[in-house]
Amino acid sequence: MTGRESLRNFLSTDPADAGCAETFRLIDRYVERELARGDAGLAFPRVALHLNVCGPCAEDVRGLLAAVAGELD
Protein backbone atom coordinates (compact mmCIF):
# COMPACT_ATOMS: atom_id res chain seq x y z
CA MET A 1 0.00 0.00 0.00
CA THR A 2 1.40 3.40 -0.93
CA GLY A 3 1.57 6.38 1.37
CA ARG A 4 -1.22 8.04 -0.56
CA GLU A 5 -3.45 4.96 -0.18
CA SER A 6 -2.70 4.78 3.54
CA LEU A 7 -3.58 8.45 3.96
CA ARG A 8 -6.81 8.01 1.97
CA ASN A 9 -7.79 5.04 4.16
CA PHE A 10 -7.00 6.97 7.31
CA LEU A 11 -8.99 10.02 6.24
CA SER A 12 -12.02 7.99 5.20
CA THR A 13 -12.45 6.28 8.54
CA ASP A 14 -15.57 4.17 8.92
CA PRO A 15 -17.80 5.34 11.80
CA ALA A 16 -17.70 1.77 13.15
CA ASP A 17 -13.90 1.96 13.47
CA ALA A 18 -12.89 1.50 17.12
CA GLY A 19 -10.13 4.10 16.91
CA CYS A 20 -6.74 3.91 18.55
CA ALA A 21 -7.90 4.45 22.14
CA GLU A 22 -10.52 1.68 22.12
CA THR A 23 -8.20 -0.65 20.23
CA PHE A 24 -5.44 -0.08 22.79
CA ARG A 25 -7.92 -0.74 25.61
CA LEU A 26 -8.98 -4.05 24.03
CA ILE A 27 -5.68 -5.20 22.54
CA ASP A 28 -5.00 -7.84 25.20
CA ARG A 29 -8.45 -9.39 24.83
CA TYR A 30 -8.18 -9.24 21.03
CA VAL A 31 -4.83 -11.07 21.08
CA GLU A 32 -6.02 -13.66 23.60
CA ARG A 33 -9.07 -14.40 21.45
CA GLU A 34 -6.96 -14.61 18.29
CA LEU A 35 -4.56 -17.09 19.89
CA ALA A 36 -7.33 -19.16 21.48
CA ARG A 37 -9.86 -19.32 18.65
CA GLY A 38 -8.43 -17.49 15.65
CA ASP A 39 -11.55 -15.37 15.28
CA ALA A 40 -10.75 -12.13 17.10
CA GLY A 41 -12.10 -10.15 14.15
CA LEU A 42 -15.52 -11.72 14.68
CA ALA A 43 -15.49 -11.07 18.41
CA PHE A 44 -14.13 -7.53 18.04
CA PRO A 45 -15.27 -6.28 14.63
CA ARG A 46 -14.69 -2.60 15.45
CA VAL A 47 -11.10 -3.35 16.44
CA ALA A 48 -10.55 -5.50 13.35
CA LEU A 49 -11.83 -2.69 11.18
CA HIS A 50 -9.42 -0.28 12.85
CA LEU A 51 -6.47 -2.64 12.44
CA ASN A 52 -7.08 -2.70 8.69
CA VAL A 53 -6.45 1.04 8.42
CA CYS A 54 -4.07 1.87 11.27
CA GLY A 55 -0.54 0.62 10.72
CA PRO A 56 0.77 1.49 14.21
CA CYS A 57 -2.07 -0.32 15.98
CA ALA A 58 -1.74 -3.32 13.66
CA GLU A 59 1.99 -3.41 14.39
CA ASP A 60 1.27 -3.40 18.14
CA VAL A 61 -1.09 -6.36 17.72
CA ARG A 62 1.46 -8.27 15.63
CA GLY A 63 4.12 -7.62 18.25
CA LEU A 64 1.92 -8.71 21.12
CA LEU A 65 0.83 -11.82 19.23
CA ALA A 66 4.49 -12.70 18.62
CA ALA A 67 5.44 -12.04 22.25
CA VAL A 68 2.57 -14.06 23.68
CA ALA A 69 3.10 -16.88 21.20
CA GLY A 70 6.77 -17.02 22.25
CA GLU A 71 8.18 -15.87 18.95
CA LEU A 72 10.33 -13.14 20.52
CA ASP A 73 13.53 -13.84 22.42
C-alpha atoms as a PDB file:
ATOM      1  CA  MET A   1       0.000   0.000   0.000  1.00  0.00           C
ATOM      2  CA  THR A   2       1.396   3.396  -0.933  1.00  0.00           C
ATOM      3  CA  GLY A   3       1.570   6.376   1.374  1.00  0.00           C
ATOM      4  CA  ARG A   4      -1.222   8.040  -0.559  1.00  0.00           C
ATOM      5  CA  GLU A   5      -3.454   4.962  -0.176  1.00  0.00           C
ATOM      6  CA  SER A   6      -2.698   4.784   3.541  1.00  0.00           C
ATOM      7  CA  LEU A   7      -3.575   8.447   3.955  1.00  0.00           C
ATOM      8  CA  ARG A   8      -6.805   8.010   1.971  1.00  0.00           C
ATOM      9  CA  ASN A   9      -7.788   5.039   4.162  1.00  0.00           C
ATOM     10  CA  PHE A  10      -6.995   6.975   7.314  1.00  0.00           C
ATOM     11  CA  LEU A  11      -8.987  10.024   6.242  1.00  0.00           C
ATOM     12  CA  SER A  12     -12.015   7.988   5.195  1.00  0.00           C
ATOM     13  CA  THR A  13     -12.449   6.275   8.540  1.00  0.00           C
ATOM     14  CA  ASP A  14     -15.569   4.173   8.915  1.00  0.00           C
ATOM     15  CA  PRO A  15     -17.798   5.335  11.804  1.00  0.00           C
ATOM     16  CA  ALA A  16     -17.702   1.766  13.151  1.00  0.00           C
ATOM     17  CA  ASP A  17     -13.896   1.961  13.469  1.00  0.00           C
ATOM     18  CA  ALA A  18     -12.891   1.500  17.115  1.00  0.00           C
ATOM     19  CA  GLY A  19     -10.135   4.096  16.910  1.00  0.00           C
ATOM     20  CA  CYS A  20      -6.737   3.910  18.552  1.00  0.00           C
ATOM     21  CA  ALA A  21      -7.902   4.445  22.144  1.00  0.00           C
ATOM     22  CA  GLU A  22     -10.516   1.679  22.123  1.00  0.00           C
ATOM     23  CA  THR A  23      -8.201  -0.655  20.226  1.00  0.00           C
ATOM     24  CA  PHE A  24      -5.438  -0.083  22.790  1.00  0.00           C
ATOM     25  CA  ARG A  25      -7.921  -0.736  25.607  1.00  0.00           C
ATOM     26  CA  LEU A  26      -8.982  -4.049  24.035  1.00  0.00           C
ATOM     27  CA  ILE A  27      -5.680  -5.199  22.544  1.00  0.00           C
ATOM     28  CA  ASP A  28      -5.001  -7.843  25.205  1.00  0.00           C
ATOM     29  CA  ARG A  29      -8.450  -9.390  24.834  1.00  0.00           C
ATOM     30  CA  TYR A  30      -8.181  -9.243  21.031  1.00  0.00           C
ATOM     31  CA  VAL A  31      -4.833 -11.067  21.080  1.00  0.00           C
ATOM     32  CA  GLU A  32      -6.021 -13.662  23.604  1.00  0.00           C
ATOM     33  CA  ARG A  33      -9.067 -14.400  21.452  1.00  0.00           C
ATOM     34  CA  GLU A  34      -6.959 -14.611  18.290  1.00  0.00           C
ATOM     35  CA  LEU A  35      -4.564 -17.091  19.888  1.00  0.00           C
ATOM     36  CA  ALA A  36      -7.332 -19.164  21.483  1.00  0.00           C
ATOM     37  CA  ARG A  37      -9.858 -19.316  18.649  1.00  0.00           C
ATOM     38  CA  GLY A  38      -8.434 -17.489  15.649  1.00  0.00           C
ATOM     39  CA  ASP A  39     -11.554 -15.372  15.279  1.00  0.00           C
ATOM     40  CA  ALA A  40     -10.754 -12.129  17.097  1.00  0.00           C
ATOM     41  CA  GLY A  41     -12.104 -10.153  14.147  1.00  0.00           C
ATOM     42  CA  LEU A  42     -15.523 -11.721  14.676  1.00  0.00           C
ATOM     43  CA  ALA A  43     -15.495 -11.068  18.408  1.00  0.00           C
ATOM     44  CA  PHE A  44     -14.128  -7.531  18.043  1.00  0.00           C
ATOM     45  CA  PRO A  45     -15.269  -6.278  14.633  1.00  0.00           C
ATOM     46  CA  ARG A  46     -14.687  -2.604  15.448  1.00  0.00           C
ATOM     47  CA  VAL A  47     -11.096  -3.349  16.442  1.00  0.00           C
ATOM     48  CA  ALA A  48     -10.548  -5.498  13.352  1.00  0.00           C
ATOM     49  CA  LEU A  49     -11.833  -2.686  11.183  1.00  0.00           C
ATOM     50  CA  HIS A  50      -9.422  -0.277  12.851  1.00  0.00           C
ATOM     51  CA  LEU A  51      -6.472  -2.637  12.442  1.00  0.00           C
ATOM     52  CA  ASN A  52      -7.083  -2.700   8.686  1.00  0.00           C
ATOM     53  CA  VAL A  53      -6.445   1.035   8.419  1.00  0.00           C
ATOM     54  CA  CYS A  54      -4.068   1.873  11.270  1.00  0.00           C
ATOM     55  CA  GLY A  55      -0.539   0.617  10.725  1.00  0.00           C
ATOM     56  CA  PRO A  56       0.771   1.489  14.207  1.00  0.00           C
ATOM     57  CA  CYS A  57      -2.069  -0.324  15.984  1.00  0.00           C
ATOM     58  CA  ALA A  58      -1.742  -3.323  13.658  1.00  0.00           C
ATOM     59  CA  GLU A  59       1.987  -3.405  14.395  1.00  0.00           C
ATOM     60  CA  ASP A  60       1.265  -3.398  18.141  1.00  0.00           C
ATOM     61  CA  VAL A  61      -1.094  -6.356  17.715  1.00  0.00           C
ATOM     62  CA  ARG A  62       1.458  -8.275  15.628  1.00  0.00           C
ATOM     63  CA  GLY A  63       4.124  -7.625  18.248  1.00  0.00           C
ATOM     64  CA  LEU A  64       1.917  -8.715  21.121  1.00  0.00           C
ATOM     65  CA  LEU A  65       0.831 -11.817  19.228  1.00  0.00           C
ATOM     66  CA  ALA A  66       4.490 -12.704  18.624  1.00  0.00           C
ATOM     67  CA  ALA A  67       5.441 -12.043  22.251  1.00  0.00           C
ATOM     68  CA  VAL A  68       2.570 -14.064  23.681  1.00  0.00           C
ATOM     69  CA  ALA A  69       3.103 -16.876  21.203  1.00  0.00           C
ATOM     70  CA  GLY A  70       6.767 -17.022  22.254  1.00  0.00           C
ATOM     71  CA  GLU A  71       8.183 -15.866  18.947  1.00  0.00           C
ATOM     72  CA  LEU A  72      10.332 -13.144  20.520  1.00  0.00           C
ATOM     73  CA  ASP A  73      13.526 -13.835  22.416  1.00  0.00           C
END
